[in-house]
């Protein structure tokens, strides 16, 4: 099973082979994404062990969404020993998110 994951916007997109699923997790992405992926894999007759490759929309986009998505796809690709690609088709050992701009770090209040 080939997986595509996009967490760069508030609407998460998961593709499993030819099936596409969209869901808005609000502030629950970190808590609910793996279960969502597992449920959709099972709907398609598979499980995590059946994933053969992962493509990840690495950015630009939401800082938090990209960090969570990258963490999940990096861990899955490593543990399952499967290829990991960015949305341009370039193969990676690990994916680093592309935030599209530098960090906006504010001065401490105290």
C-alpha atoms as a PDB file:
ATOM      1  CA  UNK A   1       0.000   0.000   0.000  1.00  0.00           C
ATOM      2  CA  UNK A   2       1.299   3.424  -0.942  1.00  0.00           C
ATOM      3  CA  UNK A   3       0.610   6.271   1.462  1.00  0.00           C
ATOM      4  CA  UNK A   4       0.529  10.020   0.834  1.00  0.00           C
ATOM      5  CA  UNK A   5       0.206  12.349   3.835  1.00  0.00           C
ATOM      6  CA  UNK A   6      -0.293  16.129   3.863  1.00  0.00           C
ATOM      7  CA  UNK A   7      -0.456  17.867   7.249  1.00  0.00           C
ATOM      8  CA  UNK A   8       0.624  21.288   5.948  1.00  0.00           C
ATOM      9  CA  UNK A   9      -2.862  22.847   6.244  1.00  0.00           C
ATOM     10  CA  UNK A  10      -5.675  22.562   8.803  1.00  0.00           C
ATOM     11  CA  UNK A  11      -7.267  19.886   6.584  1.00  0.00           C
ATOM     12  CA  UNK A  12      -5.159  16.715   6.730  1.00  0.00           C
ATOM     13  CA  UNK A  13      -5.080  14.682   3.522  1.00  0.00           C
ATOM     14  CA  UNK A  14      -4.333  10.971   3.593  1.00  0.00           C
ATOM     15  CA  UNK A  15      -4.202   8.895   0.426  1.00  0.00           C
ATOM     16  CA  UNK A  16      -4.009   5.126   0.549  1.00  0.00           C
ATOM     17  CA  UNK A  17      -3.394   3.856  -2.963  1.00  0.00           C
ATOM     18  CA  UNK A  18      -6.296   5.415  -4.937  1.00  0.00           C
ATOM     19  CA  UNK A  19      -8.480   6.376  -1.947  1.00  0.00           C
ATOM     20  CA  UNK A  20      -8.332   9.867  -0.464  1.00  0.00           C
ATOM     21  CA  UNK A  21      -9.461  10.915   3.008  1.00  0.00           C
ATOM     22  CA  UNK A  22      -9.667  14.443   4.401  1.00  0.00           C
ATOM     23  CA  UNK A  23     -10.145  15.398   8.014  1.00  0.00           C
ATOM     24  CA  UNK A  24      -9.796  18.534  10.144  1.00  0.00           C
ATOM     25  CA  UNK A  25      -8.193  17.649  13.478  1.00  0.00           C
ATOM     26  CA  UNK A  26      -8.122  21.192  14.900  1.00  0.00           C
ATOM     27  CA  UNK A  27      -5.683  20.981  17.837  1.00  0.00           C
ATOM     28  CA  UNK A  28      -5.843  17.169  18.107  1.00  0.00           C
ATOM     29  CA  UNK A  29      -3.550  16.241  15.204  1.00  0.00           C
ATOM     30  CA  UNK A  30      -0.774  14.820  17.399  1.00  0.00           C
ATOM     31  CA  UNK A  31      -3.235  12.763  19.418  1.00  0.00           C
ATOM     32  CA  UNK A  32      -5.458  11.455  16.619  1.00  0.00           C
ATOM     33  CA  UNK A  33      -3.443  11.169  13.403  1.00  0.00           C
ATOM     34  CA  UNK A  34      -1.981   7.688  13.960  1.00  0.00           C
ATOM     35  CA  UNK A  35      -5.373   6.242  14.904  1.00  0.00           C
ATOM     36  CA  UNK A  36      -6.950   7.934  11.875  1.00  0.00           C
ATOM     37  CA  UNK A  37      -4.265   6.419   9.632  1.00  0.00           C
ATOM     38  CA  UNK A  38      -4.683   2.985  11.238  1.00  0.00           C
ATOM     39  CA  UNK A  39      -8.482   3.091  10.858  1.00  0.00           C
ATOM     40  CA  UNK A  40      -8.227   4.047   7.171  1.00  0.00           C
ATOM     41  CA  UNK A  41      -5.598   1.361   6.516  1.00  0.00           C
ATOM     42  CA  UNK A  42      -7.940  -1.220   8.056  1.00  0.00           C
ATOM     43  CA  UNK A  43     -10.847   0.061   5.922  1.00  0.00           C
ATOM     44  CA  UNK A  44      -8.628  -0.720   2.932  1.00  0.00           C
ATOM     45  CA  UNK A  45      -7.847  -4.228   4.174  1.00  0.00           C
ATOM     46  CA  UNK A  46      -4.383  -3.457   5.521  1.00  0.00           C
ATOM     47  CA  UNK A  47      -2.333  -2.414   8.500  1.00  0.00           C
ATOM     48  CA  UNK A  48       0.860  -0.416   9.074  1.00  0.00           C
ATOM     49  CA  UNK A  49       2.964  -3.445   8.085  1.00  0.00           C
ATOM     50  CA  UNK A  50       1.327  -3.369   4.619  1.00  0.00           C
ATOM     51  CA  UNK A  51       2.664   0.100   3.751  1.00  0.00           C
ATOM     52  CA  UNK A  52       5.246  -0.187   0.955  1.00  0.00           C
ATOM     53  CA  UNK A  53       6.187   3.489   0.575  1.00  0.00           C
ATOM     54  CA  UNK A  54       5.296   6.898   1.955  1.00  0.00           C
ATOM     55  CA  UNK A  55       5.100  10.285   0.253  1.00  0.00           C
ATOM     56  CA  UNK A  56       4.893  13.354   2.484  1.00  0.00           C
ATOM     57  CA  UNK A  57       3.936  16.931   1.605  1.00  0.00           C
ATOM     58  CA  UNK A  58       6.971  18.476   3.309  1.00  0.00           C
ATOM     59  CA  UNK A  59       5.876  22.098   2.992  1.00  0.00           C
ATOM     60  CA  UNK A  60       5.652  24.965   3.078  1.00  0.00           C
ATOM     61  CA  UNK A  61       2.840  25.137   5.575  1.00  0.00           C
ATOM     62  CA  UNK A  62       1.823  24.980   9.196  1.00  0.00           C
ATOM     63  CA  UNK A  63       4.794  24.667  11.555  1.00  0.00           C
ATOM     64  CA  UNK A  64       3.039  22.349  13.989  1.00  0.00           C
ATOM     65  CA  UNK A  65       1.269  20.300  11.325  1.00  0.00           C
ATOM     66  CA  UNK A  66       4.479  19.730   9.368  1.00  0.00           C
ATOM     67  CA  UNK A  67       6.436  18.787  12.512  1.00  0.00           C
ATOM     68  CA  UNK A  68       3.816  16.247  13.561  1.00  0.00           C
ATOM     69  CA  UNK A  69       3.444  14.781  10.070  1.00  0.00           C
ATOM     70  CA  UNK A  70       7.205  14.580   9.498  1.00  0.00           C
ATOM     71  CA  UNK A  71       7.721  12.874  12.846  1.00  0.00           C
ATOM     72  CA  UNK A  72       5.129  10.234  12.006  1.00  0.00           C
ATOM     73  CA  UNK A  73       6.299   9.496   8.453  1.00  0.00           C
ATOM     74  CA  UNK A  74       9.952   9.425   9.516  1.00  0.00           C
ATOM     75  CA  UNK A  75       9.195   6.954  12.311  1.00  0.00           C
ATOM     76  CA  UNK A  76       7.027   4.732  10.096  1.00  0.00           C
ATOM     77  CA  UNK A  77       9.530   4.685   7.223  1.00  0.00           C
ATOM     78  CA  UNK A  78      12.371   3.867   9.595  1.00  0.00           C
ATOM     79  CA  UNK A  79      10.569   1.138  11.518  1.00  0.00           C
ATOM     80  CA  UNK A  80       9.001  -0.457   8.433  1.00  0.00           C
ATOM     81  CA  UNK A  81      12.226  -0.035   6.422  1.00  0.00           C
ATOM     82  CA  UNK A  82      10.330   1.437   3.452  1.00  0.00           C
ATOM     83  CA  UNK A  83      11.099   4.284   1.023  1.00  0.00           C
ATOM     84  CA  UNK A  84      10.155   7.835   2.014  1.00  0.00           C
ATOM     85  CA  UNK A  85       9.587  10.549  -0.598  1.00  0.00           C
ATOM     86  CA  UNK A  86       8.791  14.238  -0.499  1.00  0.00           C
ATOM     87  CA  UNK A  87       5.962  15.626  -2.643  1.00  0.00           C
ATOM     88  CA  UNK A  88       8.459  16.347  -5.432  1.00  0.00           C
ATOM     89  CA  UNK A  89       9.313  12.639  -5.688  1.00  0.00           C
ATOM     90  CA  UNK A  90      12.764  12.959  -4.117  1.00  0.00           C
ATOM     91  CA  UNK A  91      13.726  10.035  -1.881  1.00  0.00           C
ATOM     92  CA  UNK A  92      14.879  10.807   1.673  1.00  0.00           C
ATOM     93  CA  UNK A  93      16.283   8.885   4.595  1.00  0.00           C
ATOM     94  CA  UNK A  94      14.445  11.375   6.817  1.00  0.00           C
ATOM     95  CA  UNK A  95      12.204  14.266   5.825  1.00  0.00           C
ATOM     96  CA  UNK A  96      12.821  17.729   7.195  1.00  0.00           C
ATOM     97  CA  UNK A  97       9.826  20.065   7.007  1.00  0.00           C
ATOM     98  CA  UNK A  98      10.020  23.148   4.785  1.00  0.00           C
ATOM     99  CA  UNK A  99       8.228  25.905   6.679  1.00  0.00           C
ATOM    100  CA  UNK A 100       8.556  28.405   3.847  1.00  0.00           C
ATOM    101  CA  UNK A 101      10.117  31.077   6.075  1.00  0.00           C
ATOM    102  CA  UNK A 102      12.249  31.522   9.140  1.00  0.00           C
ATOM    103  CA  UNK A 103      10.961  31.062  12.654  1.00  0.00           C
ATOM    104  CA  UNK A 104       9.037  33.956  14.197  1.00  0.00           C
ATOM    105  CA  UNK A 105      10.663  34.162  17.610  1.00  0.00           C
ATOM    106  CA  UNK A 106       9.346  36.860  19.907  1.00  0.00           C
ATOM    107  CA  UNK A 107      11.127  38.447  22.862  1.00  0.00           C
ATOM    108  CA  UNK A 108      10.325  36.975  26.276  1.00  0.00           C
ATOM    109  CA  UNK A 109       7.786  38.974  28.263  1.00  0.00           C
ATOM    110  CA  UNK A 110       9.943  38.955  31.386  1.00  0.00           C
END
